Amino acid sequence: MVDENELLSKWYDLKETISKLETKLDEFKSHANDIMESRKTDTISNEKFVLQKREMTRRNITKNDLPEHIWQQFSKETVCSAFYLTKKGEKRKSPSTKRRFRSPKNNNEKFCR
C-alpha cells in the first residue's frame, strides 16, 4: 500500500505529465489541421491509421438564461467527488472546461474528472 506522502507526490507528478501530454497532443492536432486544410480534406491516413476531423456543435444553457420554474423542472444534477491537488503555496489552476465522469469501483459514488 502506498503511504500518503508517496500518493500525493505520485499524483502531482502524474498531473504534470498529463498536462504536458495534453499540450503535445494539442500541437499534433494543430499540425494535423494544417495538413488537412492545405489538402482541402477532413481525413489523413497511412498504412496503420486514419485520422478524421469532425465538426461538433454543442449548446448549453445556464440557470440565469431560464425562468426558475423551467430550470427546476428540466435541469439534471450530477453529484461527484472532485479532487484538487496543488503544491503548498501554489495557486490552484482554473478547472478545465472538460468534465468527464467515470464510475469508480463503488457504484454509489462518482469521481469528476
PDB file of N, CA and C in Angstrom:
ATOM      1  N   MET A   1       0.843  -1.190   0.000  1.00  0.00           N
ATOM      2  CA  MET A   1       0.000   0.000   0.000  1.00  0.00           C
ATOM      3  C   MET A   1       0.884   1.248   0.000  1.00  0.00           C
ATOM      4  N   VAL A   2       0.463   2.259  -0.724  1.00  0.00           N
ATOM      5  CA  VAL A   2       1.211   3.498  -0.853  1.00  0.00           C
ATOM      6  C   VAL A   2       0.874   4.408   0.328  1.00  0.00           C
ATOM      7  N   ASP A   3       1.910   5.003   0.942  1.00  0.00           N
ATOM      8  CA  ASP A   3       1.625   5.923   2.040  1.00  0.00           C
ATOM      9  C   ASP A   3       1.176   7.278   1.477  1.00  0.00           C
ATOM     10  N   GLU A   4       0.658   8.141   2.339  1.00  0.00           N
ATOM     11  CA  GLU A   4       0.093   9.417   1.899  1.00  0.00           C
ATOM     12  C   GLU A   4       1.099  10.284   1.168  1.00  0.00           C
ATOM     13  N   ASN A   5       2.330  10.367   1.672  1.00  0.00           N
ATOM     14  CA  ASN A   5       3.345  11.201   1.028  1.00  0.00           C
ATOM     15  C   ASN A   5       3.630  10.725  -0.390  1.00  0.00           C
ATOM     16  N   GLU A   6       3.771   9.418  -0.545  1.00  0.00           N
ATOM     17  CA  GLU A   6       4.050   8.863  -1.863  1.00  0.00           C
ATOM     18  C   GLU A   6       2.836   9.050  -2.785  1.00  0.00           C
ATOM     19  N   LEU A   7       1.635   8.838  -2.245  1.00  0.00           N
ATOM     20  CA  LEU A   7       0.412   9.018  -3.016  1.00  0.00           C
ATOM     21  C   LEU A   7       0.326  10.432  -3.579  1.00  0.00           C
ATOM     22  N   LEU A   8       0.492  11.430  -2.705  1.00  0.00           N
ATOM     23  CA  LEU A   8       0.364  12.819  -3.138  1.00  0.00           C
ATOM     24  C   LEU A   8       1.462  13.202  -4.123  1.00  0.00           C
ATOM     25  N   SER A   9       2.664  12.735  -3.874  1.00  0.00           N
ATOM     26  CA  SER A   9       3.781  13.038  -4.768  1.00  0.00           C
ATOM     27  C   SER A   9       3.571  12.425  -6.149  1.00  0.00           C
ATOM     28  N   LYS A  10       3.189  11.154  -6.179  1.00  0.00           N
ATOM     29  CA  LYS A  10       2.966  10.483  -7.462  1.00  0.00           C
ATOM     30  C   LYS A  10       1.775  11.092  -8.203  1.00  0.00           C
ATOM     31  N   TRP A  11       0.740  11.442  -7.472  1.00  0.00           N
ATOM     32  CA  TRP A  11      -0.444  12.058  -8.066  1.00  0.00           C
ATOM     33  C   TRP A  11      -0.046  13.377  -8.731  1.00  0.00           C
ATOM     34  N   TYR A  12       0.692  14.218  -8.001  1.00  0.00           N
ATOM     35  CA  TYR A  12       1.111  15.512  -8.530  1.00  0.00           C
ATOM     36  C   TYR A  12       1.971  15.326  -9.775  1.00  0.00           C
ATOM     37  N   ASP A  13       2.929  14.402  -9.707  1.00  0.00           N
ATOM     38  CA  ASP A  13       3.797  14.138 -10.861  1.00  0.00           C
ATOM     39  C   ASP A  13       2.988  13.681 -12.070  1.00  0.00           C
ATOM     40  N   LEU A  14       2.002  12.826 -11.834  1.00  0.00           N
ATOM     41  CA  LEU A  14       1.164  12.339 -12.921  1.00  0.00           C
ATOM     42  C   LEU A  14       0.343  13.476 -13.539  1.00  0.00           C
ATOM     43  N   LYS A  15      -0.190  14.365 -12.694  1.00  0.00           N
ATOM     44  CA  LYS A  15      -0.926  15.517 -13.214  1.00  0.00           C
ATOM     45  C   LYS A  15      -0.041  16.370 -14.111  1.00  0.00           C
ATOM     46  N   GLU A  16       1.199  16.578 -13.711  1.00  0.00           N
ATOM     47  CA  GLU A  16       2.144  17.355 -14.521  1.00  0.00           C
ATOM     48  C   GLU A  16       2.414  16.649 -15.851  1.00  0.00           C
ATOM     49  N   THR A  17       2.579  15.337 -15.820  1.00  0.00           N
ATOM     50  CA  THR A  17       2.825  14.558 -17.036  1.00  0.00           C
ATOM     51  C   THR A  17       1.627  14.645 -17.978  1.00  0.00           C
ATOM     52  N   ILE A  18       0.425  14.500 -17.437  1.00  0.00           N
ATOM     53  CA  ILE A  18      -0.788  14.591 -18.245  1.00  0.00           C
ATOM     54  C   ILE A  18      -0.893  15.962 -18.897  1.00  0.00           C
ATOM     55  N   SER A  19      -0.601  17.005 -18.144  1.00  0.00           N
ATOM     56  CA  SER A  19      -0.660  18.362 -18.683  1.00  0.00           C
ATOM     57  C   SER A  19       0.300  18.533 -19.860  1.00  0.00           C
ATOM     58  N   LYS A  20       1.507  18.015 -19.714  1.00  0.00           N
ATOM     59  CA  LYS A  20       2.492  18.092 -20.798  1.00  0.00           C
ATOM     60  C   LYS A  20       2.029  17.292 -22.007  1.00  0.00           C
ATOM     61  N   LEU A  21       1.454  16.111 -21.777  1.00  0.00           N
ATOM     62  CA  LEU A  21       0.962  15.282 -22.877  1.00  0.00           C
ATOM     63  C   LEU A  21      -0.210  15.952 -23.590  1.00  0.00           C
ATOM     64  N   GLU A  22      -1.109  16.585 -22.841  1.00  0.00           N
ATOM     65  CA  GLU A  22      -2.229  17.289 -23.455  1.00  0.00           C
ATOM     66  C   GLU A  22      -1.736  18.446 -24.321  1.00  0.00           C
ATOM     67  N   THR A  23      -0.696  19.142 -23.862  1.00  0.00           N
ATOM     68  CA  THR A  23      -0.101  20.222 -24.651  1.00  0.00           C
ATOM     69  C   THR A  23       0.488  19.673 -25.943  1.00  0.00           C
ATOM     70  N   LYS A  24       1.187  18.558 -25.849  1.00  0.00           N
ATOM     71  CA  LYS A  24       1.776  17.928 -27.035  1.00  0.00           C
ATOM     72  C   LYS A  24       0.680  17.463 -27.985  1.00  0.00           C
ATOM     73  N   LEU A  25      -0.374  16.877 -27.457  1.00  0.00           N
ATOM     74  CA  LEU A  25      -1.489  16.426 -28.289  1.00  0.00           C
ATOM     75  C   LEU A  25      -2.129  17.607 -29.024  1.00  0.00           C
ATOM     76  N   ASP A  26      -2.277  18.744 -28.346  1.00  0.00           N
ATOM     77  CA  ASP A  26      -2.820  19.938 -28.996  1.00  0.00           C
ATOM     78  C   ASP A  26      -1.928  20.388 -30.151  1.00  0.00           C
ATOM     79  N   GLU A  27      -0.611  20.254 -29.990  1.00  0.00           N
ATOM     80  CA  GLU A  27       0.320  20.582 -31.073  1.00  0.00           C
ATOM     81  C   GLU A  27       0.092  19.649 -32.260  1.00  0.00           C
ATOM     82  N   PHE A  28      -0.096  18.364 -31.979  1.00  0.00           N
ATOM     83  CA  PHE A  28      -0.365  17.390 -33.048  1.00  0.00           C
ATOM     84  C   PHE A  28      -1.672  17.724 -33.769  1.00  0.00           C
ATOM     85  N   LYS A  29      -2.699  18.081 -32.993  1.00  0.00           N
ATOM     86  CA  LYS A  29      -3.986  18.434 -33.588  1.00  0.00           C
ATOM     87  C   LYS A  29      -3.841  19.645 -34.506  1.00  0.00           C
ATOM     88  N   SER A  30      -3.091  20.618 -34.061  1.00  0.00           N
ATOM     89  CA  SER A  30      -2.884  21.818 -34.863  1.00  0.00           C
ATOM     90  C   SER A  30      -2.147  21.481 -36.162  1.00  0.00           C
ATOM     91  N   HIS A  31      -1.125  20.664 -36.055  1.00  0.00           N
ATOM     92  CA  HIS A  31      -0.364  20.261 -37.235  1.00  0.00           C
ATOM     93  C   HIS A  31      -1.243  19.453 -38.199  1.00  0.00           C
ATOM     94  N   ALA A  32      -2.015  18.521 -37.664  1.00  0.00           N
ATOM     95  CA  ALA A  32      -2.921  17.721 -38.498  1.00  0.00           C
ATOM     96  C   ALA A  32      -3.944  18.621 -39.181  1.00  0.00           C
ATOM     97  N   ASN A  33      -4.455  19.598 -38.459  1.00  0.00           N
ATOM     98  CA  ASN A  33      -5.420  20.532 -39.037  1.00  0.00           C
ATOM     99  C   ASN A  33      -4.789  21.316 -40.186  1.00  0.00           C
ATOM    100  N   ASP A  34      -3.546  21.750 -40.006  1.00  0.00           N
ATOM    101  CA  ASP A  34      -2.844  22.472 -41.078  1.00  0.00           C
ATOM    102  C   ASP A  34      -2.704  21.597 -42.321  1.00  0.00           C
ATOM    103  N   ILE A  35      -2.354  20.332 -42.113  1.00  0.00           N
ATOM    104  CA  ILE A  35      -2.222  19.403 -43.249  1.00  0.00           C
ATOM    105  C   ILE A  35      -3.563  19.243 -43.948  1.00  0.00           C
ATOM    106  N   MET A  36      -4.618  19.025 -43.164  1.00  0.00           N
ATOM    107  CA  MET A  36      -5.952  18.832 -43.738  1.00  0.00           C
ATOM    108  C   MET A  36      -6.406  20.066 -44.508  1.00  0.00           C
ATOM    109  N   GLU A  37      -6.171  21.242 -43.956  1.00  0.00           N
ATOM    110  CA  GLU A  37      -6.576  22.465 -44.642  1.00  0.00           C
ATOM    111  C   GLU A  37      -5.799  22.639 -45.943  1.00  0.00           C
ATOM    112  N   SER A  38      -4.508  22.338 -45.920  1.00  0.00           N
ATOM    113  CA  SER A  38      -3.712  22.501 -47.137  1.00  0.00           C
ATOM    114  C   SER A  38      -4.141  21.521 -48.232  1.00  0.00           C
ATOM    115  N   ARG A  39      -4.643  20.361 -47.830  1.00  0.00           N
ATOM    116  CA  ARG A  39      -5.108  19.348 -48.793  1.00  0.00           C
ATOM    117  C   ARG A  39      -6.606  19.439 -49.075  1.00  0.00           C
ATOM    118  N   LYS A  40      -7.268  20.371 -48.368  1.00  0.00           N
ATOM    119  CA  LYS A  40      -8.724  20.533 -48.502  1.00  0.00           C
ATOM    120  C   LYS A  40      -9.462  19.210 -48.263  1.00  0.00           C
ATOM    121  N   THR A  41      -9.131  18.584 -47.142  1.00  0.00           N
ATOM    122  CA  THR A  41      -9.761  17.316 -46.766  1.00  0.00           C
ATOM    123  C   THR A  41      -9.974  17.284 -45.255  1.00  0.00           C
ATOM    124  N   ASP A  42     -10.817  16.372 -44.819  1.00  0.00           N
ATOM    125  CA  ASP A  42     -11.047  16.177 -43.387  1.00  0.00           C
ATOM    126  C   ASP A  42     -10.466  14.853 -42.907  1.00  0.00           C
ATOM    127  N   THR A  43      -9.666  14.201 -43.756  1.00  0.00           N
ATOM    128  CA  THR A  43      -9.101  12.899 -43.413  1.00  0.00           C
ATOM    129  C   THR A  43      -7.662  12.811 -43.882  1.00  0.00           C
ATOM    130  N   ILE A  44      -6.808  12.287 -43.028  1.00  0.00           N
ATOM    131  CA  ILE A  44      -5.453  11.904 -43.442  1.00  0.00           C
ATOM    132  C   ILE A  44      -5.229  10.486 -42.936  1.00  0.00           C
ATOM    133  N   SER A  45      -4.431   9.729 -43.689  1.00  0.00           N
ATOM    134  CA  SER A  45      -4.231   8.338 -43.292  1.00  0.00           C
ATOM    135  C   SER A  45      -2.887   7.838 -43.785  1.00  0.00           C
ATOM    136  N   ASN A  46      -2.481   6.723 -43.205  1.00  0.00           N
ATOM    137  CA  ASN A  46      -1.317   5.977 -43.680  1.00  0.00           C
ATOM    138  C   ASN A  46      -1.679   4.501 -43.631  1.00  0.00           C
ATOM    139  N   GLU A  47      -0.689   3.628 -43.687  1.00  0.00           N
ATOM    140  CA  GLU A  47      -0.985   2.194 -43.714  1.00  0.00           C
ATOM    141  C   GLU A  47      -1.559   1.666 -42.391  1.00  0.00           C
ATOM    142  N   LYS A  48      -1.396   2.423 -41.298  1.00  0.00           N
ATOM    143  CA  LYS A  48      -1.874   1.944 -39.994  1.00  0.00           C
ATOM    144  C   LYS A  48      -3.038   2.736 -39.407  1.00  0.00           C
ATOM    145  N   PHE A  49      -3.137   4.024 -39.758  1.00  0.00           N
ATOM    146  CA  PHE A  49      -4.086   4.892 -39.062  1.00  0.00           C
ATOM    147  C   PHE A  49      -4.908   5.739 -40.023  1.00  0.00           C
ATOM    148  N   VAL A  50      -6.089   6.110 -39.558  1.00  0.00           N
ATOM    149  CA  VAL A  50      -6.934   7.078 -40.253  1.00  0.00           C
ATOM    150  C   VAL A  50      -7.311   8.141 -39.222  1.00  0.00           C
ATOM    151  N   LEU A  51      -7.061   9.387 -39.560  1.00  0.00           N
ATOM    152  CA  LEU A  51      -7.430  10.497 -38.682  1.00  0.00           C
ATOM    153  C   LEU A  51      -8.501  11.311 -39.385  1.00  0.00           C
ATOM    154  N   GLN A  52      -9.653  11.441 -38.735  1.00  0.00           N
ATOM    155  CA  GLN A  52     -10.764  12.203 -39.299  1.00  0.00           C
ATOM    156  C   GLN A  52     -11.038  13.407 -38.410  1.00  0.00           C
ATOM    157  N   LYS A  53     -11.331  14.509 -39.055  1.00  0.00           N
ATOM    158  CA  LYS A  53     -11.738  15.711 -38.330  1.00  0.00           C
ATOM    159  C   LYS A  53     -13.234  15.863 -38.517  1.00  0.00           C
ATOM    160  N   ARG A  54     -13.939  16.043 -37.430  1.00  0.00           N
ATOM    161  CA  ARG A  54     -15.382  16.252 -37.481  1.00  0.00           C
ATOM    162  C   ARG A  54     -15.707  17.533 -36.732  1.00  0.00           C
ATOM    163  N   GLU A  55     -16.616  18.284 -37.294  1.00  0.00           N
ATOM    164  CA  GLU A  55     -17.075  19.495 -36.624  1.00  0.00           C
ATOM    165  C   GLU A  55     -18.171  19.117 -35.644  1.00  0.00           C
ATOM    166  N   MET A  56     -18.080  19.637 -34.448  1.00  0.00           N
ATOM    167  CA  MET A  56     -19.084  19.356 -33.433  1.00  0.00           C
ATOM    168  C   MET A  56     -19.706  20.673 -32.986  1.00  0.00           C
ATOM    169  N   THR A  57     -20.969  20.625 -32.710  1.00  0.00           N
ATOM    170  CA  THR A  57     -21.662  21.787 -32.175  1.00  0.00           C
ATOM    171  C   THR A  57     -22.260  21.391 -30.838  1.00  0.00           C
ATOM    172  N   ARG A  58     -22.039  22.227 -29.869  1.00  0.00           N
ATOM    173  CA  ARG A  58     -22.636  21.989 -28.553  1.00  0.00           C
ATOM    174  C   ARG A  58     -23.462  23.193 -28.180  1.00  0.00           C
ATOM    175  N   ARG A  59     -24.525  22.935 -27.514  1.00  0.00           N
ATOM    176  CA  ARG A  59     -25.355  24.010 -26.987  1.00  0.00           C
ATOM    177  C   ARG A  59     -25.384  23.864 -25.480  1.00  0.00           C
ATOM    178  N   ASN A  60     -25.413  24.982 -24.819  1.00  0.00           N
ATOM    179  CA  ASN A  60     -25.564  24.917 -23.373  1.00  0.00           C
ATOM    180  C   ASN A  60     -26.451  26.061 -22.921  1.00  0.00           C
ATOM    181  N   ILE A  61     -26.873  25.924 -21.722  1.00  0.00           N
ATOM    182  CA  ILE A  61     -27.751  26.933 -21.152  1.00  0.00           C
ATOM    183  C   ILE A  61     -27.424  27.027 -19.667  1.00  0.00           C
ATOM    184  N   THR A  62     -27.530  28.197 -19.138  1.00  0.00           N
ATOM    185  CA  THR A  62     -27.261  28.375 -17.716  1.00  0.00           C
ATOM    186  C   THR A  62     -28.555  28.713 -16.983  1.00  0.00           C
ATOM    187  N   LYS A  63     -28.473  28.594 -15.710  1.00  0.00           N
ATOM    188  CA  LYS A  63     -29.640  28.856 -14.874  1.00  0.00           C
ATOM    189  C   LYS A  63     -30.149  30.285 -15.086  1.00  0.00           C
ATOM    190  N   ASN A  64     -29.240  31.222 -15.305  1.00  0.00           N
ATOM    191  CA  ASN A  64     -29.639  32.621 -15.495  1.00  0.00           C
ATOM    192  C   ASN A  64     -30.387  32.852 -16.803  1.00  0.00           C
ATOM    193  N   ASP A  65     -30.291  31.898 -17.740  1.00  0.00           N
ATOM    194  CA  ASP A  65     -30.958  32.034 -19.037  1.00  0.00           C
ATOM    195  C   ASP A  65     -32.431  31.635 -19.001  1.00  0.00           C
ATOM    196  N   LEU A  66     -32.868  31.037 -17.908  1.00  0.00           N
ATOM    197  CA  LEU A  66     -34.214  30.463 -17.868  1.00  0.00           C
ATOM    198  C   LEU A  66     -35.020  30.973 -16.681  1.00  0.00           C
ATOM    199  N   PRO A  67     -36.342  30.937 -16.823  1.00  0.00           N
ATOM    200  CA  PRO A  67     -37.174  31.176 -15.643  1.00  0.00           C
ATOM    201  C   PRO A  67     -36.928  30.053 -14.623  1.00  0.00           C
ATOM    202  N   GLU A  68     -37.010  30.372 -13.371  1.00  0.00           N
ATOM    203  CA  GLU A  68     -36.703  29.421 -12.292  1.00  0.00           C
ATOM    204  C   GLU A  68     -37.515  28.138 -12.403  1.00  0.00           C
ATOM    205  N   HIS A  69     -38.804  28.236 -12.701  1.00  0.00           N
ATOM    206  CA  HIS A  69     -39.643  27.030 -12.747  1.00  0.00           C
ATOM    207  C   HIS A  69     -39.211  26.089 -13.880  1.00  0.00           C
ATOM    208  N   ILE A  70     -38.737  26.627 -14.981  1.00  0.00           N
ATOM    209  CA  ILE A  70     -38.243  25.793 -16.091  1.00  0.00           C
ATOM    210  C   ILE A  70     -36.951  25.095 -15.656  1.00  0.00           C
ATOM    211  N   TRP A  71     -36.075  25.847 -15.024  1.00  0.00           N
ATOM    212  CA  TRP A  71     -34.823  25.274 -14.533  1.00  0.00           C
ATOM    213  C   TRP A  71     -35.106  24.131 -13.562  1.00  0.00           C
ATOM    214  N   GLN A  72     -36.005  24.355 -12.624  1.00  0.00           N
ATOM    215  CA  GLN A  72     -36.329  23.338 -11.632  1.00  0.00           C
ATOM    216  C   GLN A  72     -36.924  22.092 -12.279  1.00  0.00           C
ATOM    217  N   GLN A  73     -37.716  22.272 -13.312  1.00  0.00           N
ATOM    218  CA  GLN A  73     -38.389  21.142 -13.946  1.00  0.00           C
ATOM    219  C   GLN A  73     -37.459  20.315 -14.823  1.00  0.00           C
ATOM    220  N   PHE A  74     -36.538  20.953 -15.545  1.00  0.00           N
ATOM    221  CA  PHE A  74     -35.784  20.243 -16.564  1.00  0.00           C
ATOM    222  C   PHE A  74     -34.291  20.066 -16.284  1.00  0.00           C
ATOM    223  N   SER A  75     -33.754  20.755 -15.315  1.00  0.00           N
ATOM    224  CA  SER A  75     -32.307  20.626 -15.072  1.00  0.00           C
ATOM    225  C   SER A  75     -31.983  19.260 -14.479  1.00  0.00           C
ATOM    226  N   LYS A  76     -30.822  18.763 -14.816  1.00  0.00           N
ATOM    227  CA  LYS A  76     -30.342  17.485 -14.294  1.00  0.00           C
ATOM    228  C   LYS A  76     -29.141  17.779 -13.406  1.00  0.00           C
ATOM    229  N   GLU A  77     -29.088  17.143 -12.282  1.00  0.00           N
ATOM    230  CA  GLU A  77     -27.988  17.346 -11.352  1.00  0.00           C
ATOM    231  C   GLU A  77     -27.159  16.083 -11.268  1.00  0.00           C
ATOM    232  N   THR A  78     -25.855  16.252 -11.367  1.00  0.00           N
ATOM    233  CA  THR A  78     -24.935  15.136 -11.211  1.00  0.00           C
ATOM    234  C   THR A  78     -24.018  15.471 -10.047  1.00  0.00           C
ATOM    235  N   VAL A  79     -23.894  14.562  -9.128  1.00  0.00           N
ATOM    236  CA  VAL A  79     -23.041  14.767  -7.967  1.00  0.00           C
ATOM    237  C   VAL A  79     -21.848  13.843  -8.091  1.00  0.00           C
ATOM    238  N   CYS A  80     -20.665  14.388  -7.863  1.00  0.00           N
ATOM    239  CA  CYS A  80     -19.450  13.590  -7.929  1.00  0.00           C
ATOM    240  C   CYS A  80     -18.424  14.179  -6.984  1.00  0.00           C
ATOM    241  N   SER A  81     -17.412  13.405  -6.667  1.00  0.00           N
ATOM    242  CA  SER A  81     -16.323  13.880  -5.829  1.00  0.00           C
ATOM    243  C   SER A  81     -15.230  14.453  -6.721  1.00  0.00           C
ATOM    244  N   ALA A  82     -14.750  15.627  -6.378  1.00  0.00           N
ATOM    245  CA  ALA A  82     -13.670  16.263  -7.132  1.00  0.00           C
ATOM    246  C   ALA A  82     -12.462  16.406  -6.217  1.00  0.00           C
ATOM    247  N   PHE A  83     -11.284  16.178  -6.763  1.00  0.00           N
ATOM    248  CA  PHE A  83     -10.043  16.296  -6.010  1.00  0.00           C
ATOM    249  C   PHE A  83      -9.198  17.405  -6.621  1.00  0.00           C
ATOM    250  N   TYR A  84      -8.625  18.267  -5.802  1.00  0.00           N
ATOM    251  CA  TYR A  84      -7.785  19.358  -6.263  1.00  0.00           C
ATOM    252  C   TYR A  84      -6.444  19.263  -5.543  1.00  0.00           C
ATOM    253  N   LEU A  85      -5.422  18.915  -6.277  1.00  0.00           N
ATOM    254  CA  LEU A  85      -4.101  18.740  -5.695  1.00  0.00           C
ATOM    255  C   LEU A  85      -3.194  19.858  -6.176  1.00  0.00           C
ATOM    256  N   THR A  86      -2.615  20.602  -5.241  1.00  0.00           N
ATOM    257  CA  THR A  86      -1.641  21.639  -5.569  1.00  0.00           C
ATOM    258  C   THR A  86      -0.484  21.544  -4.596  1.00  0.00           C
ATOM    259  N   LYS A  87       0.641  22.098  -4.998  1.00  0.00           N
ATOM    260  CA  LYS A  87       1.749  22.206  -4.060  1.00  0.00           C
ATOM    261  C   LYS A  87       1.409  23.307  -3.078  1.00  0.00           C
ATOM    262  N   LYS A  88       1.838  23.160  -1.842  1.00  0.00           N
ATOM    263  CA  LYS A  88       1.559  24.182  -0.841  1.00  0.00           C
ATOM    264  C   LYS A  88       2.183  25.496  -1.285  1.00  0.00           C
ATOM    265  N   GLY A  89       1.414  26.578  -1.148  1.00  0.00           N
ATOM    266  CA  GLY A  89       1.868  27.892  -1.555  1.00  0.00           C
ATOM    267  C   GLY A  89       1.616  28.189  -3.030  1.00  0.00           C
ATOM    268  N   GLU A  90       1.124  27.214  -3.778  1.00  0.00           N
ATOM    269  CA  GLU A  90       0.857  27.370  -5.202  1.00  0.00           C
ATOM    270  C   GLU A  90      -0.643  27.554  -5.389  1.00  0.00           C
ATOM    271  N   LYS A  91      -1.046  28.503  -6.244  1.00  0.00           N
ATOM    272  CA  LYS A  91      -2.470  28.696  -6.512  1.00  0.00           C
ATOM    273  C   LYS A  91      -2.974  27.572  -7.389  1.00  0.00           C
ATOM    274  N   ARG A  92      -4.204  27.180  -7.163  1.00  0.00           N
ATOM    275  CA  ARG A  92      -4.837  26.155  -7.990  1.00  0.00           C
ATOM    276  C   ARG A  92      -5.160  26.749  -9.342  1.00  0.00           C
ATOM    277  N   LYS A  93      -4.851  25.999 -10.402  1.00  0.00           N
ATOM    278  CA  LYS A  93      -5.173  26.443 -11.755  1.00  0.00           C
ATOM    279  C   LYS A  93      -6.674  26.390 -11.944  1.00  0.00           C
ATOM    280  N   SER A  94      -7.180  27.194 -12.871  1.00  0.00           N
ATOM    281  CA  SER A  94      -8.610  27.176 -13.170  1.00  0.00           C
ATOM    282  C   SER A  94      -9.004  25.785 -13.620  1.00  0.00           C
ATOM    283  N   PRO A  95     -10.179  25.330 -13.208  1.00  0.00           N
ATOM    284  CA  PRO A  95     -10.597  23.989 -13.622  1.00  0.00           C
ATOM    285  C   PRO A  95     -10.816  23.925 -15.118  1.00  0.00           C
ATOM    286  N   SER A  96     -10.591  22.767 -15.658  1.00  0.00           N
ATOM    287  CA  SER A  96     -10.813  22.531 -17.079  1.00  0.00           C
ATOM    288  C   SER A  96     -12.285  22.634 -17.392  1.00  0.00           C
ATOM    289  N   THR A  97     -12.582  23.082 -18.613  1.00  0.00           N
ATOM    290  CA  THR A  97     -13.985  23.120 -19.016  1.00  0.00           C
ATOM    291  C   THR A  97     -14.471  21.726 -19.356  1.00  0.00           C
ATOM    292  N   LYS A  98     -13.544  20.811 -19.547  1.00  0.00           N
ATOM    293  CA  LYS A  98     -13.931  19.431 -19.839  1.00  0.00           C
ATOM    294  C   LYS A  98     -14.333  18.763 -18.536  1.00  0.00           C
ATOM    295  N   ARG A  99     -15.462  18.131 -18.531  1.00  0.00           N
ATOM    296  CA  ARG A  99     -15.899  17.375 -17.362  1.00  0.00           C
ATOM    297  C   ARG A  99     -16.313  16.000 -17.829  1.00  0.00           C
ATOM    298  N   ARG A 100     -15.559  15.022 -17.431  1.00  0.00           N
ATOM    299  CA  ARG A 100     -15.907  13.649 -17.758  1.00  0.00           C
ATOM    300  C   ARG A 100     -16.185  12.930 -16.459  1.00  0.00           C
ATOM    301  N   PHE A 101     -17.097  12.015 -16.494  1.00  0.00           N
ATOM    302  CA  PHE A 101     -17.448  11.260 -15.306  1.00  0.00           C
ATOM    303  C   PHE A 101     -17.154   9.795 -15.553  1.00  0.00           C
ATOM    304  N   ARG A 102     -16.634   9.152 -14.555  1.00  0.00           N
ATOM    305  CA  ARG A 102     -16.461   7.715 -14.623  1.00  0.00           C
ATOM    306  C   ARG A 102     -16.894   7.147 -13.291  1.00  0.00           C
ATOM    307  N   SER A 103     -17.409   5.964 -13.343  1.00  0.00           N
ATOM    308  CA  SER A 103     -17.854   5.326 -12.116  1.00  0.00           C
ATOM    309  C   SER A 103     -16.681   4.611 -11.469  1.00  0.00           C
ATOM    310  N   PRO A 104     -16.424   4.888 -10.213  1.00  0.00           N
ATOM    311  CA  PRO A 104     -15.381   4.149  -9.509  1.00  0.00           C
ATOM    312  C   PRO A 104     -15.869   2.750  -9.157  1.00  0.00           C
ATOM    313  N   LYS A 105     -15.036   2.007  -8.468  1.00  0.00           N
ATOM    314  CA  LYS A 105     -15.402   0.638  -8.089  1.00  0.00           C
ATOM    315  C   LYS A 105     -16.673   0.616  -7.253  1.00  0.00           C
ATOM    316  N   ASN A 106     -16.828   1.612  -6.409  1.00  0.00           N
ATOM    317  CA  ASN A 106     -18.047   1.726  -5.611  1.00  0.00           C
ATOM    318  C   ASN A 106     -19.083   2.459  -6.459  1.00  0.00           C
ATOM    319  N   ASN A 107     -20.110   1.782  -6.907  1.00  0.00           N
ATOM    320  CA  ASN A 107     -21.090   2.369  -7.817  1.00  0.00           C
ATOM    321  C   ASN A 107     -21.945   3.441  -7.181  1.00  0.00           C
ATOM    322  N   ASN A 108     -21.845   3.637  -5.873  1.00  0.00           N
ATOM    323  CA  ASN A 108     -22.649   4.656  -5.199  1.00  0.00           C
ATOM    324  C   ASN A 108     -22.022   6.034  -5.306  1.00  0.00           C
ATOM    325  N   GLU A 109     -20.801   6.123  -5.777  1.00  0.00           N
ATOM    326  CA  GLU A 109     -20.112   7.400  -5.826  1.00  0.00           C
ATOM    327  C   GLU A 109     -19.510   7.593  -7.214  1.00  0.00           C
ATOM    328  N   LYS A 110     -19.433   8.863  -7.639  1.00  0.00           N
ATOM    329  CA  LYS A 110     -18.796   9.183  -8.907  1.00  0.00           C
ATOM    330  C   LYS A 110     -17.641  10.147  -8.648  1.00  0.00           C
ATOM    331  N   PHE A 111     -16.617  10.038  -9.476  1.00  0.00           N
ATOM    332  CA  PHE A 111     -15.483  10.957  -9.408  1.00  0.00           C
ATOM    333  C   PHE A 111     -15.562  11.876 -10.606  1.00  0.00           C
ATOM    334  N   CYS A 112     -15.388  13.160 -10.407  1.00  0.00           N
ATOM    335  CA  CYS A 112     -15.323  14.117 -11.509  1.00  0.00           C
ATOM    336  C   CYS A 112     -13.906  14.106 -12.061  1.00  0.00           C
ATOM    337  N   ARG A 113     -13.839  14.327 -13.349  1.00  0.00           N
ATOM    338  CA  ARG A 113     -12.526  14.481 -13.967  1.00  0.00           C
ATOM    339  C   ARG A 113     -12.553  15.655 -14.868  1.00  0.00           C
TER     340      ARG A 113
END
